Amino acid sequence: MKQKPRVKRDHKQNGLKHRSDAGPGKAKGHHESDANHDHAKPIGRSKADKKHVDLPALLTDKSLLRKMARKEVNSGAITPDYKLDKDLVIGLLNESLATELVCTLRYKRHYYVANRIKGRYVAAEFAQHAIEELAHADLIAERIMQLGGTPDFNPVGLAERSHAEYFEGTDLQDMIRENLVAERIAIESYRAFAQFLGEADPTTRRMIESILAMEEEHANELTDLMED
């Protein structure tokens, strides 16, 4: 048995018909309801706007802000509200600087040795890591200067100041493994450093966190090299 073809509904017409069936009285009532609803809306600030917010004094008292800025003006970026022991932070940053310099030197050596033993793909990875570690050292040295300290580039005692060790190595797998160990040391030390800084020094913390993210990337790349 043939089925009757389905008739497409004209939604537009049905909609018009539905509105016309409502009749002028109903339409008027609908508009009146809308009007009443509009009049019912509260005028002025919302409850969210009226919520009381306690702002720091330095954001509400401009004279105090200006006075604090002039106090110990020679301290540069270090204002009186800096809560941490500045010398302690600079000392920790110099240890981080030593770590980055030792890692740069280790990666540089491994790059040349890996090239000699025909590990060119691994050597290229070592070379890139050396560039990035040196960039980290520059960031740390710049922050030390901003805090009023002096970056310690003295080669004497560099290995002792560094968290990571300098490992020479002649075998590709040994070099990859020791670099991975060094990255893991850096990851743990930077994570602890960032937690120590917290909200007391957000500028240094963000810098350390950015370096931490790169060290984690290095660790993942070295893990991949070990599995190849």
N, C-alpha and C. Protein backbone atom coordinates (compact mmCIF):
# COMPACT_ATOMS: atom_id res chain seq x y z
N MET A 1 0.85 -1.18 0.00
CA MET A 1 0.00 0.00 0.00
C MET A 1 0.90 1.24 0.00
N LYS A 2 0.56 2.14 -0.89
CA LYS A 2 1.40 3.34 -0.97
C LYS A 2 1.14 4.24 0.21
N GLN A 3 2.23 4.73 0.75
CA GLN A 3 2.09 5.69 1.84
C GLN A 3 1.86 7.08 1.29
N LYS A 4 1.01 7.82 1.98
CA LYS A 4 0.78 9.20 1.55
C LYS A 4 2.03 10.02 1.77
N PRO A 5 2.38 10.84 0.81
CA PRO A 5 3.57 11.68 1.00
C PRO A 5 3.39 12.62 2.17
N ARG A 6 4.49 12.76 2.98
CA ARG A 6 4.43 13.64 4.13
C ARG A 6 4.38 15.09 3.69
N VAL A 7 3.53 15.83 4.33
CA VAL A 7 3.37 17.24 3.97
C VAL A 7 4.23 18.08 4.89
N LYS A 8 5.07 18.88 4.31
CA LYS A 8 5.93 19.75 5.11
C LYS A 8 5.09 20.86 5.72
N ARG A 9 5.34 21.05 6.99
CA ARG A 9 4.59 22.10 7.66
C ARG A 9 5.22 23.46 7.38
N ASP A 10 4.34 24.41 7.18
CA ASP A 10 4.82 25.77 6.99
C ASP A 10 4.86 26.44 8.36
N HIS A 11 6.04 26.37 8.99
CA HIS A 11 6.15 26.90 10.35
C HIS A 11 5.86 28.38 10.40
N LYS A 12 6.18 29.05 9.32
CA LYS A 12 5.95 30.48 9.29
C LYS A 12 4.47 30.79 9.36
N GLN A 13 3.67 30.04 8.51
CA GLN A 13 2.23 30.27 8.48
C GLN A 13 1.60 29.85 9.79
N ASN A 14 2.02 28.68 10.31
CA ASN A 14 1.46 28.22 11.58
C ASN A 14 1.72 29.22 12.70
N GLY A 15 2.88 29.79 12.66
CA GLY A 15 3.22 30.76 13.68
C GLY A 15 2.33 31.98 13.60
N LEU A 16 2.07 32.42 12.33
CA LEU A 16 1.21 33.58 12.13
C LEU A 16 -0.20 33.28 12.59
N LYS A 17 -0.66 32.05 12.26
CA LYS A 17 -2.01 31.65 12.64
C LYS A 17 -2.14 31.60 14.14
N HIS A 18 -1.11 31.09 14.82
CA HIS A 18 -1.13 30.98 16.27
C HIS A 18 -1.24 32.35 16.92
N ARG A 19 -0.53 33.31 16.35
CA ARG A 19 -0.58 34.64 16.91
C ARG A 19 -1.92 35.32 16.66
N SER A 20 -2.51 35.06 15.47
CA SER A 20 -3.80 35.68 15.15
C SER A 20 -4.90 35.08 16.00
N ASP A 21 -4.81 33.75 16.35
CA ASP A 21 -5.82 33.11 17.18
C ASP A 21 -5.86 33.72 18.57
N ALA A 22 -4.73 34.29 18.98
CA ALA A 22 -4.69 34.83 20.32
C ALA A 22 -5.68 35.96 20.50
N GLY A 23 -6.01 36.64 19.41
CA GLY A 23 -7.00 37.71 19.47
C GLY A 23 -6.41 38.99 20.00
N PRO A 24 -7.03 40.09 19.69
CA PRO A 24 -6.50 41.39 20.11
C PRO A 24 -6.45 41.54 21.62
N GLY A 25 -7.44 40.91 22.31
CA GLY A 25 -7.47 41.03 23.77
C GLY A 25 -6.28 40.39 24.41
N LYS A 26 -5.96 39.19 23.95
CA LYS A 26 -4.82 38.46 24.52
C LYS A 26 -3.50 39.14 24.20
N ALA A 27 -3.41 39.65 22.99
CA ALA A 27 -2.17 40.34 22.61
C ALA A 27 -1.94 41.55 23.48
N LYS A 28 -3.07 42.26 23.76
CA LYS A 28 -2.96 43.45 24.60
C LYS A 28 -2.48 43.08 25.99
N GLY A 29 -3.05 41.97 26.51
CA GLY A 29 -2.66 41.53 27.84
C GLY A 29 -1.19 41.18 27.91
N HIS A 30 -0.73 40.58 26.85
CA HIS A 30 0.69 40.21 26.77
C HIS A 30 1.58 41.44 26.83
N HIS A 31 1.21 42.47 26.07
CA HIS A 31 2.01 43.69 26.06
C HIS A 31 1.97 44.39 27.40
N GLU A 32 0.80 44.37 28.05
CA GLU A 32 0.69 44.99 29.35
C GLU A 32 1.58 44.29 30.37
N SER A 33 1.65 42.94 30.25
CA SER A 33 2.51 42.19 31.15
C SER A 33 3.96 42.58 30.99
N ASP A 34 4.38 42.75 29.69
CA ASP A 34 5.76 43.17 29.42
C ASP A 34 6.04 44.54 30.01
N ALA A 35 5.05 45.43 29.86
CA ALA A 35 5.23 46.79 30.36
C ALA A 35 5.36 46.78 31.86
N ASN A 36 4.49 45.97 32.52
CA ASN A 36 4.56 45.89 33.98
C ASN A 36 5.90 45.32 34.42
N HIS A 37 6.37 44.34 33.66
CA HIS A 37 7.65 43.72 33.98
C HIS A 37 8.79 44.73 33.88
N ASP A 38 8.73 45.58 32.83
CA ASP A 38 9.76 46.59 32.66
C ASP A 38 9.75 47.58 33.82
N HIS A 39 8.54 47.96 34.28
CA HIS A 39 8.45 48.92 35.38
C HIS A 39 8.94 48.31 36.68
N ALA A 40 8.90 46.95 36.76
CA ALA A 40 9.29 46.27 38.00
C ALA A 40 10.80 46.20 38.18
N LYS A 41 11.55 46.47 37.09
CA LYS A 41 13.01 46.37 37.17
C LYS A 41 13.56 47.42 38.14
N PRO A 42 14.52 47.05 39.00
CA PRO A 42 15.08 48.01 39.96
C PRO A 42 15.92 49.06 39.25
N ILE A 43 15.82 50.25 39.74
CA ILE A 43 16.57 51.36 39.15
C ILE A 43 17.78 51.65 40.02
N GLY A 44 18.93 51.85 39.37
CA GLY A 44 20.14 52.18 40.13
C GLY A 44 21.12 51.02 40.16
N ARG A 45 22.01 51.00 41.13
CA ARG A 45 23.07 50.00 41.21
C ARG A 45 22.51 48.66 41.64
N SER A 46 23.10 47.58 41.07
CA SER A 46 22.70 46.23 41.43
C SER A 46 23.31 45.86 42.78
N LYS A 47 22.85 44.73 43.33
CA LYS A 47 23.37 44.26 44.61
C LYS A 47 24.87 43.98 44.52
N ALA A 48 25.28 43.45 43.34
CA ALA A 48 26.71 43.15 43.16
C ALA A 48 27.54 44.42 43.22
N ASP A 49 26.97 45.54 42.62
CA ASP A 49 27.70 46.79 42.63
C ASP A 49 27.83 47.36 44.03
N LYS A 50 26.78 47.12 44.86
CA LYS A 50 26.76 47.69 46.20
C LYS A 50 27.59 46.89 47.20
N LYS A 51 28.08 45.72 46.78
CA LYS A 51 28.87 44.87 47.68
C LYS A 51 30.11 45.61 48.14
N HIS A 52 30.35 45.61 49.43
CA HIS A 52 31.49 46.32 49.98
C HIS A 52 32.79 45.57 49.70
N VAL A 53 33.80 46.30 49.23
CA VAL A 53 35.11 45.71 48.95
C VAL A 53 36.16 46.47 49.74
N ASP A 54 36.97 45.74 50.49
CA ASP A 54 38.05 46.36 51.25
C ASP A 54 39.28 46.49 50.36
N LEU A 55 39.59 47.69 49.97
CA LEU A 55 40.75 47.94 49.13
C LEU A 55 41.96 48.25 50.00
N PRO A 56 43.15 47.88 49.51
CA PRO A 56 44.36 48.23 50.25
C PRO A 56 44.47 49.74 50.40
N ALA A 57 45.07 50.16 51.49
CA ALA A 57 45.18 51.60 51.75
C ALA A 57 45.92 52.33 50.64
N LEU A 58 46.91 51.65 50.04
CA LEU A 58 47.70 52.29 48.99
C LEU A 58 46.88 52.56 47.73
N LEU A 59 45.73 51.91 47.58
CA LEU A 59 44.87 52.15 46.42
C LEU A 59 43.82 53.22 46.69
N THR A 60 43.65 53.58 47.94
CA THR A 60 42.62 54.58 48.28
C THR A 60 43.23 55.88 48.78
N ASP A 61 44.45 55.81 49.30
CA ASP A 61 45.10 57.00 49.86
C ASP A 61 46.28 57.38 48.96
N LYS A 62 46.04 58.30 48.04
CA LYS A 62 47.09 58.68 47.08
C LYS A 62 48.27 59.36 47.75
N SER A 63 48.01 60.12 48.77
CA SER A 63 49.12 60.80 49.46
C SER A 63 50.04 59.79 50.14
N LEU A 64 49.46 58.73 50.70
CA LEU A 64 50.26 57.68 51.32
C LEU A 64 51.07 56.94 50.27
N LEU A 65 50.45 56.66 49.13
CA LEU A 65 51.14 55.96 48.03
C LEU A 65 52.35 56.76 47.57
N ARG A 66 52.17 58.07 47.41
CA ARG A 66 53.28 58.92 46.95
C ARG A 66 54.39 59.00 48.01
N LYS A 67 53.98 59.04 49.26
CA LYS A 67 54.96 59.11 50.35
C LYS A 67 55.79 57.84 50.41
N MET A 68 55.13 56.68 50.26
CA MET A 68 55.83 55.39 50.30
C MET A 68 56.79 55.25 49.13
N ALA A 69 56.41 55.76 47.97
CA ALA A 69 57.26 55.67 46.78
C ALA A 69 58.55 56.49 46.94
N ARG A 70 58.44 57.62 47.67
CA ARG A 70 59.61 58.46 47.88
C ARG A 70 60.54 57.92 48.96
N LYS A 71 59.99 57.06 49.82
CA LYS A 71 60.79 56.51 50.91
C LYS A 71 61.84 55.54 50.35
N GLU A 72 63.08 55.72 50.70
CA GLU A 72 64.19 54.88 50.23
C GLU A 72 64.16 54.74 48.70
N VAL A 73 64.06 55.87 48.04
CA VAL A 73 63.89 55.88 46.58
C VAL A 73 65.06 55.22 45.85
N ASN A 74 66.23 55.22 46.47
CA ASN A 74 67.40 54.61 45.82
C ASN A 74 67.31 53.09 45.74
N SER A 75 66.30 52.51 46.38
CA SER A 75 66.13 51.05 46.34
C SER A 75 65.51 50.57 45.02
N GLY A 76 65.17 51.50 44.16
CA GLY A 76 64.66 51.12 42.83
C GLY A 76 63.34 50.39 42.90
N ALA A 77 63.32 49.16 42.36
CA ALA A 77 62.09 48.38 42.29
C ALA A 77 61.65 47.83 43.64
N ILE A 78 62.54 47.81 44.62
CA ILE A 78 62.21 47.28 45.95
C ILE A 78 61.57 48.38 46.78
N THR A 79 60.26 48.30 46.92
CA THR A 79 59.50 49.27 47.68
C THR A 79 59.36 48.80 49.13
N PRO A 80 58.95 49.71 50.04
CA PRO A 80 58.87 49.34 51.47
C PRO A 80 57.93 48.18 51.77
N ASP A 81 57.01 47.86 50.86
CA ASP A 81 56.06 46.77 51.14
C ASP A 81 56.60 45.41 50.72
N TYR A 82 57.88 45.34 50.29
CA TYR A 82 58.49 44.05 49.93
C TYR A 82 58.70 43.26 51.23
N LYS A 83 58.02 42.13 51.38
CA LYS A 83 57.95 41.43 52.66
C LYS A 83 59.08 40.42 52.90
N LEU A 84 59.73 39.97 51.84
CA LEU A 84 60.74 38.92 52.00
C LEU A 84 62.10 39.50 52.39
N ASP A 85 62.98 38.61 52.85
CA ASP A 85 64.37 38.98 53.10
C ASP A 85 65.06 39.08 51.74
N LYS A 86 65.32 40.30 51.32
CA LYS A 86 65.87 40.54 49.98
C LYS A 86 67.20 39.82 49.78
N ASP A 87 68.07 39.85 50.76
CA ASP A 87 69.38 39.22 50.63
C ASP A 87 69.25 37.70 50.49
N LEU A 88 68.27 37.12 51.19
CA LEU A 88 68.02 35.69 51.07
C LEU A 88 67.56 35.34 49.66
N VAL A 89 66.65 36.13 49.11
CA VAL A 89 66.14 35.88 47.75
C VAL A 89 67.27 36.00 46.74
N ILE A 90 68.12 37.02 46.90
CA ILE A 90 69.25 37.20 45.99
C ILE A 90 70.20 36.02 46.09
N GLY A 91 70.45 35.53 47.30
CA GLY A 91 71.31 34.36 47.47
C GLY A 91 70.75 33.13 46.78
N LEU A 92 69.45 32.91 46.91
CA LEU A 92 68.81 31.77 46.23
C LEU A 92 68.86 31.93 44.71
N LEU A 93 68.71 33.16 44.25
CA LEU A 93 68.79 33.41 42.81
C LEU A 93 70.20 33.16 42.28
N ASN A 94 71.21 33.50 43.09
CA ASN A 94 72.59 33.24 42.65
C ASN A 94 72.88 31.74 42.59
N GLU A 95 72.25 30.96 43.47
CA GLU A 95 72.38 29.51 43.36
C GLU A 95 71.70 29.00 42.09
N SER A 96 70.57 29.57 41.77
CA SER A 96 69.87 29.20 40.53
C SER A 96 70.70 29.61 39.30
N LEU A 97 71.33 30.77 39.40
CA LEU A 97 72.20 31.23 38.31
C LEU A 97 73.34 30.25 38.10
N ALA A 98 73.97 29.81 39.19
CA ALA A 98 75.07 28.84 39.10
C ALA A 98 74.57 27.54 38.47
N THR A 99 73.37 27.13 38.84
CA THR A 99 72.80 25.89 38.27
C THR A 99 72.65 26.01 36.76
N GLU A 100 72.14 27.14 36.30
CA GLU A 100 71.94 27.33 34.86
C GLU A 100 73.27 27.40 34.11
N LEU A 101 74.27 28.00 34.73
CA LEU A 101 75.58 28.09 34.08
C LEU A 101 76.24 26.72 33.98
N VAL A 102 76.15 25.93 35.06
CA VAL A 102 76.71 24.57 35.04
C VAL A 102 75.99 23.72 33.99
N CYS A 103 74.68 23.86 33.91
CA CYS A 103 73.91 23.10 32.92
C CYS A 103 74.27 23.52 31.49
N THR A 104 74.51 24.80 31.30
CA THR A 104 74.93 25.29 29.98
C THR A 104 76.26 24.66 29.59
N LEU A 105 77.22 24.67 30.50
CA LEU A 105 78.54 24.10 30.22
C LEU A 105 78.46 22.59 29.96
N ARG A 106 77.65 21.90 30.74
CA ARG A 106 77.51 20.45 30.56
C ARG A 106 76.88 20.13 29.20
N TYR A 107 75.82 20.84 28.86
CA TYR A 107 75.18 20.61 27.56
C TYR A 107 76.12 20.96 26.39
N LYS A 108 76.92 21.99 26.56
CA LYS A 108 77.87 22.37 25.51
C LYS A 108 78.89 21.25 25.27
N ARG A 109 79.45 20.73 26.34
CA ARG A 109 80.41 19.64 26.20
C ARG A 109 79.75 18.43 25.54
N HIS A 110 78.57 18.09 26.00
CA HIS A 110 77.87 16.91 25.47
C HIS A 110 77.51 17.09 23.99
N TYR A 111 77.24 18.32 23.60
CA TYR A 111 76.96 18.60 22.18
C TYR A 111 78.16 18.22 21.32
N TYR A 112 79.34 18.68 21.69
CA TYR A 112 80.54 18.41 20.89
C TYR A 112 80.93 16.93 20.93
N VAL A 113 80.83 16.30 22.09
CA VAL A 113 81.19 14.89 22.21
C VAL A 113 80.20 14.03 21.42
N ALA A 114 78.91 14.35 21.50
CA ALA A 114 77.90 13.58 20.78
C ALA A 114 78.10 13.70 19.27
N ASN A 115 78.50 14.87 18.81
CA ASN A 115 78.77 15.04 17.38
C ASN A 115 79.93 14.15 16.94
N ARG A 116 80.94 14.02 17.78
CA ARG A 116 82.12 13.24 17.44
C ARG A 116 81.80 11.75 17.33
N ILE A 117 80.85 11.30 18.16
CA ILE A 117 80.52 9.86 18.11
C ILE A 117 79.25 9.62 17.27
N LYS A 118 78.99 10.56 16.37
CA LYS A 118 77.93 10.43 15.36
C LYS A 118 76.52 10.34 15.98
N GLY A 119 76.34 11.08 17.06
CA GLY A 119 74.99 11.18 17.63
C GLY A 119 74.43 12.54 17.31
N ARG A 120 74.31 12.84 16.02
CA ARG A 120 73.97 14.21 15.61
C ARG A 120 72.58 14.66 16.06
N TYR A 121 71.63 13.75 16.06
CA TYR A 121 70.28 14.11 16.49
C TYR A 121 70.28 14.46 17.97
N VAL A 122 70.96 13.65 18.77
CA VAL A 122 71.07 13.92 20.20
C VAL A 122 71.88 15.19 20.43
N ALA A 123 72.93 15.38 19.65
CA ALA A 123 73.78 16.56 19.78
C ALA A 123 72.97 17.84 19.53
N ALA A 124 72.10 17.80 18.54
CA ALA A 124 71.27 18.97 18.23
C ALA A 124 70.36 19.32 19.41
N GLU A 125 69.85 18.29 20.09
CA GLU A 125 69.01 18.52 21.27
C GLU A 125 69.83 19.14 22.39
N PHE A 126 71.04 18.64 22.59
CA PHE A 126 71.92 19.20 23.61
C PHE A 126 72.23 20.67 23.31
N ALA A 127 72.48 20.98 22.05
CA ALA A 127 72.81 22.36 21.67
C ALA A 127 71.65 23.30 21.97
N GLN A 128 70.43 22.87 21.65
CA GLN A 128 69.25 23.70 21.90
C GLN A 128 69.05 23.91 23.40
N HIS A 129 69.25 22.87 24.17
CA HIS A 129 69.11 22.99 25.61
C HIS A 129 70.15 23.95 26.19
N ALA A 130 71.36 23.92 25.66
CA ALA A 130 72.41 24.84 26.13
C ALA A 130 72.01 26.29 25.91
N ILE A 131 71.44 26.57 24.74
CA ILE A 131 70.98 27.93 24.43
C ILE A 131 69.91 28.38 25.42
N GLU A 132 68.99 27.49 25.71
CA GLU A 132 67.87 27.83 26.59
C GLU A 132 68.32 27.99 28.04
N GLU A 133 69.28 27.17 28.47
CA GLU A 133 69.79 27.31 29.84
C GLU A 133 70.53 28.64 30.01
N LEU A 134 71.26 29.03 28.99
CA LEU A 134 71.96 30.32 29.06
C LEU A 134 70.97 31.47 29.11
N ALA A 135 69.86 31.35 28.38
CA ALA A 135 68.81 32.37 28.42
C ALA A 135 68.21 32.46 29.82
N HIS A 136 68.06 31.31 30.48
CA HIS A 136 67.57 31.31 31.87
C HIS A 136 68.55 32.05 32.78
N ALA A 137 69.83 31.82 32.57
CA ALA A 137 70.85 32.49 33.38
C ALA A 137 70.74 34.00 33.23
N ASP A 138 70.51 34.47 32.01
CA ASP A 138 70.37 35.91 31.77
C ASP A 138 69.15 36.48 32.49
N LEU A 139 68.04 35.74 32.45
CA LEU A 139 66.83 36.19 33.15
C LEU A 139 67.08 36.32 34.65
N ILE A 140 67.74 35.32 35.22
CA ILE A 140 68.01 35.32 36.66
C ILE A 140 68.96 36.45 37.03
N ALA A 141 70.01 36.65 36.22
CA ALA A 141 70.97 37.72 36.50
C ALA A 141 70.28 39.09 36.45
N GLU A 142 69.38 39.28 35.50
CA GLU A 142 68.66 40.54 35.39
C GLU A 142 67.77 40.78 36.62
N ARG A 143 67.13 39.73 37.10
CA ARG A 143 66.28 39.88 38.28
C ARG A 143 67.11 40.18 39.53
N ILE A 144 68.28 39.57 39.62
CA ILE A 144 69.17 39.88 40.75
C ILE A 144 69.52 41.36 40.75
N MET A 145 69.81 41.92 39.59
CA MET A 145 70.11 43.34 39.48
C MET A 145 68.91 44.19 39.90
N GLN A 146 67.70 43.79 39.48
CA GLN A 146 66.50 44.54 39.85
C GLN A 146 66.28 44.56 41.35
N LEU A 147 66.69 43.49 42.03
CA LEU A 147 66.53 43.41 43.48
C LEU A 147 67.67 44.11 44.23
N GLY A 148 68.58 44.70 43.47
CA GLY A 148 69.67 45.44 44.10
C GLY A 148 70.89 44.61 44.42
N GLY A 149 70.96 43.39 43.88
CA GLY A 149 72.10 42.51 44.13
C GLY A 149 73.07 42.50 42.96
N THR A 150 74.03 41.60 43.03
CA THR A 150 75.04 41.43 41.97
C THR A 150 75.08 39.97 41.57
N PRO A 151 74.87 39.67 40.29
CA PRO A 151 74.93 38.27 39.85
C PRO A 151 76.34 37.72 39.98
N ASP A 152 76.44 36.51 40.52
CA ASP A 152 77.75 35.90 40.78
C ASP A 152 78.13 34.98 39.63
N PHE A 153 79.03 35.48 38.75
CA PHE A 153 79.52 34.69 37.63
C PHE A 153 80.92 34.14 37.89
N ASN A 154 81.38 34.27 39.10
CA ASN A 154 82.74 33.82 39.43
C ASN A 154 82.84 32.31 39.23
N PRO A 155 83.77 31.85 38.37
CA PRO A 155 83.91 30.41 38.15
C PRO A 155 84.39 29.65 39.38
N VAL A 156 85.06 30.37 40.29
CA VAL A 156 85.52 29.74 41.53
C VAL A 156 84.30 29.44 42.40
N GLY A 157 84.11 28.18 42.71
CA GLY A 157 82.98 27.79 43.54
C GLY A 157 81.67 27.63 42.77
N LEU A 158 81.74 27.70 41.44
CA LEU A 158 80.52 27.60 40.63
C LEU A 158 79.82 26.26 40.84
N ALA A 159 80.59 25.18 40.80
CA ALA A 159 80.01 23.84 40.96
C ALA A 159 79.41 23.66 42.35
N GLU A 160 80.02 24.29 43.37
CA GLU A 160 79.49 24.17 44.73
C GLU A 160 78.19 24.96 44.90
N ARG A 161 78.07 26.08 44.20
CA ARG A 161 76.85 26.89 44.30
C ARG A 161 75.69 26.27 43.53
N SER A 162 76.03 25.48 42.52
CA SER A 162 75.00 24.89 41.66
C SER A 162 74.27 23.74 42.35
N HIS A 163 72.98 23.63 42.09
CA HIS A 163 72.21 22.48 42.59
C HIS A 163 72.57 21.22 41.79
N ALA A 164 72.72 21.37 40.49
CA ALA A 164 73.04 20.23 39.61
C ALA A 164 74.55 20.05 39.51
N GLU A 165 74.96 18.84 39.14
CA GLU A 165 76.38 18.52 39.02
C GLU A 165 76.85 18.65 37.57
N TYR A 166 78.16 18.83 37.45
CA TYR A 166 78.77 18.85 36.11
C TYR A 166 79.29 17.44 35.82
N PHE A 167 78.69 16.78 34.83
CA PHE A 167 79.08 15.42 34.47
C PHE A 167 79.58 15.42 33.04
N GLU A 168 80.79 14.91 32.82
CA GLU A 168 81.36 14.95 31.47
C GLU A 168 80.76 13.86 30.59
N GLY A 169 81.08 12.62 30.85
CA GLY A 169 80.51 11.51 30.09
C GLY A 169 81.08 11.37 28.68
N THR A 170 81.13 10.13 28.21
CA THR A 170 81.61 9.84 26.86
C THR A 170 80.61 8.98 26.08
N ASP A 171 79.66 8.40 26.80
CA ASP A 171 78.65 7.52 26.19
C ASP A 171 77.33 8.29 26.06
N LEU A 172 76.67 8.14 24.91
CA LEU A 172 75.43 8.88 24.66
C LEU A 172 74.38 8.65 25.74
N GLN A 173 74.16 7.39 26.08
CA GLN A 173 73.13 7.07 27.07
C GLN A 173 73.47 7.67 28.44
N ASP A 174 74.76 7.64 28.79
CA ASP A 174 75.18 8.22 30.07
C ASP A 174 74.93 9.73 30.08
N MET A 175 75.25 10.39 28.97
CA MET A 175 75.06 11.84 28.88
C MET A 175 73.58 12.19 28.96
N ILE A 176 72.75 11.45 28.24
CA ILE A 176 71.30 11.70 28.28
C ILE A 176 70.76 11.51 29.70
N ARG A 177 71.19 10.43 30.34
CA ARG A 177 70.71 10.11 31.68
C ARG A 177 71.12 11.19 32.69
N GLU A 178 72.40 11.61 32.64
CA GLU A 178 72.88 12.61 33.60
C GLU A 178 72.24 13.97 33.37
N ASN A 179 71.96 14.30 32.12
CA ASN A 179 71.25 15.55 31.85
C ASN A 179 69.81 15.48 32.37
N LEU A 180 69.21 14.32 32.25
CA LEU A 180 67.85 14.14 32.77
C LEU A 180 67.84 14.27 34.30
N VAL A 181 68.85 13.69 34.96
CA VAL A 181 68.96 13.82 36.41
C VAL A 181 69.08 15.31 36.80
N ALA A 182 69.91 16.04 36.06
CA ALA A 182 70.11 17.47 36.35
C ALA A 182 68.81 18.25 36.16
N GLU A 183 68.06 17.91 35.13
CA GLU A 183 66.78 18.60 34.89
C GLU A 183 65.80 18.31 36.02
N ARG A 184 65.80 17.08 36.50
CA ARG A 184 64.91 16.72 37.60
C ARG A 184 65.28 17.46 38.89
N ILE A 185 66.58 17.65 39.10
CA ILE A 185 67.04 18.44 40.25
C ILE A 185 66.55 19.89 40.11
N ALA A 186 66.70 20.45 38.93
CA ALA A 186 66.26 21.83 38.69
C ALA A 186 64.75 21.96 38.89
N ILE A 187 64.00 20.98 38.41
CA ILE A 187 62.53 21.02 38.54
C ILE A 187 62.14 21.07 40.02
N GLU A 188 62.75 20.21 40.82
CA GLU A 188 62.40 20.17 42.25
C GLU A 188 62.81 21.45 42.97
N SER A 189 63.99 21.95 42.66
CA SER A 189 64.46 23.16 43.34
C SER A 189 63.65 24.38 42.93
N TYR A 190 63.31 24.51 41.65
CA TYR A 190 62.52 25.66 41.19
C TYR A 190 61.09 25.61 41.71
N ARG A 191 60.53 24.42 41.80
CA ARG A 191 59.17 24.29 42.34
C ARG A 191 59.14 24.74 43.81
N ALA A 192 60.16 24.32 44.57
CA ALA A 192 60.24 24.72 45.98
C ALA A 192 60.48 26.23 46.11
N PHE A 193 61.30 26.78 45.22
CA PHE A 193 61.61 28.21 45.22
C PHE A 193 60.33 29.02 44.94
N ALA A 194 59.56 28.59 43.94
CA ALA A 194 58.33 29.30 43.59
C ALA A 194 57.34 29.28 44.74
N GLN A 195 57.24 28.15 45.44
CA GLN A 195 56.34 28.05 46.59
C GLN A 195 56.80 28.96 47.72
N PHE A 196 58.10 29.07 47.91
CA PHE A 196 58.63 29.95 48.95
C PHE A 196 58.30 31.41 48.65
N LEU A 197 58.43 31.80 47.39
CA LEU A 197 58.17 33.19 47.01
C LEU A 197 56.70 33.54 47.14
N GLY A 198 55.82 32.62 46.73
CA GLY A 198 54.38 32.82 46.85
C GLY A 198 53.93 34.16 46.30
N GLU A 199 53.06 34.84 47.07
CA GLU A 199 52.54 36.14 46.66
C GLU A 199 53.41 37.29 47.15
N ALA A 200 54.44 36.98 47.94
CA ALA A 200 55.31 38.03 48.48
C ALA A 200 56.19 38.65 47.40
N ASP A 201 56.55 37.87 46.38
CA ASP A 201 57.37 38.38 45.26
C ASP A 201 56.87 37.74 43.97
N PRO A 202 55.73 38.21 43.46
CA PRO A 202 55.14 37.58 42.27
C PRO A 202 56.00 37.70 41.01
N THR A 203 56.79 38.76 40.92
CA THR A 203 57.63 38.94 39.73
C THR A 203 58.70 37.85 39.64
N THR A 204 59.41 37.64 40.74
CA THR A 204 60.43 36.57 40.76
C THR A 204 59.76 35.21 40.62
N ARG A 205 58.62 35.03 41.27
CA ARG A 205 57.93 33.73 41.20
C ARG A 205 57.53 33.39 39.76
N ARG A 206 56.97 34.37 39.05
CA ARG A 206 56.56 34.10 37.66
C ARG A 206 57.76 33.76 36.79
N MET A 207 58.90 34.44 37.02
CA MET A 207 60.10 34.12 36.26
C MET A 207 60.55 32.69 36.54
N ILE A 208 60.59 32.32 37.83
CA ILE A 208 61.01 30.98 38.20
C ILE A 208 60.04 29.94 37.61
N GLU A 209 58.76 30.24 37.63
CA GLU A 209 57.77 29.30 37.07
C GLU A 209 57.93 29.13 35.57
N SER A 210 58.31 30.20 34.88
CA SER A 210 58.53 30.09 33.43
C SER A 210 59.76 29.23 33.14
N ILE A 211 60.80 29.37 33.95
CA ILE A 211 62.00 28.53 33.81
C ILE A 211 61.66 27.08 34.15
N LEU A 212 60.88 26.90 35.20
CA LEU A 212 60.44 25.56 35.60
C LEU A 212 59.72 24.85 34.47
N ALA A 213 58.84 25.56 33.78
CA ALA A 213 58.10 24.97 32.66
C ALA A 213 59.05 24.49 31.56
N MET A 214 60.09 25.27 31.29
CA MET A 214 61.07 24.89 30.27
C MET A 214 61.89 23.68 30.72
N GLU A 215 62.24 23.63 31.99
CA GLU A 215 63.01 22.48 32.50
C GLU A 215 62.17 21.20 32.42
N GLU A 216 60.88 21.31 32.66
CA GLU A 216 60.00 20.15 32.53
C GLU A 216 59.95 19.68 31.07
N GLU A 217 59.95 20.64 30.17
CA GLU A 217 59.97 20.28 28.74
C GLU A 217 61.28 19.58 28.37
N HIS A 218 62.39 20.09 28.90
CA HIS A 218 63.69 19.44 28.67
C HIS A 218 63.67 18.00 29.18
N ALA A 219 63.12 17.80 30.37
CA ALA A 219 63.08 16.46 30.96
C ALA A 219 62.28 15.51 30.08
N ASN A 220 61.17 15.98 29.54
CA ASN A 220 60.36 15.13 28.65
C ASN A 220 61.12 14.78 27.39
N GLU A 221 61.84 15.74 26.83
CA GLU A 221 62.61 15.49 25.61
C GLU A 221 63.73 14.49 25.86
N LEU A 222 64.39 14.61 26.99
CA LEU A 222 65.47 13.67 27.31
C LEU A 222 64.92 12.27 27.57
N THR A 223 63.75 12.20 28.18
CA THR A 223 63.11 10.89 28.39
C THR A 223 62.82 10.22 27.05
N ASP A 224 62.36 11.00 26.09
CA ASP A 224 62.10 10.46 24.75
C ASP A 224 63.39 9.95 24.11
N LEU A 225 64.49 10.69 24.30
CA LEU A 225 65.78 10.27 23.74
C LEU A 225 66.25 8.95 24.35
N MET A 226 66.00 8.76 25.63
CA MET A 226 66.40 7.52 26.29
C MET A 226 65.62 6.32 25.74
N GLU A 227 64.40 6.57 25.30
CA GLU A 227 63.55 5.48 24.81
C GLU A 227 63.79 5.17 23.34
N ASP A 228 64.47 6.08 22.62
CA ASP A 228 64.73 5.84 21.17
C ASP A 228 65.79 4.75 20.99
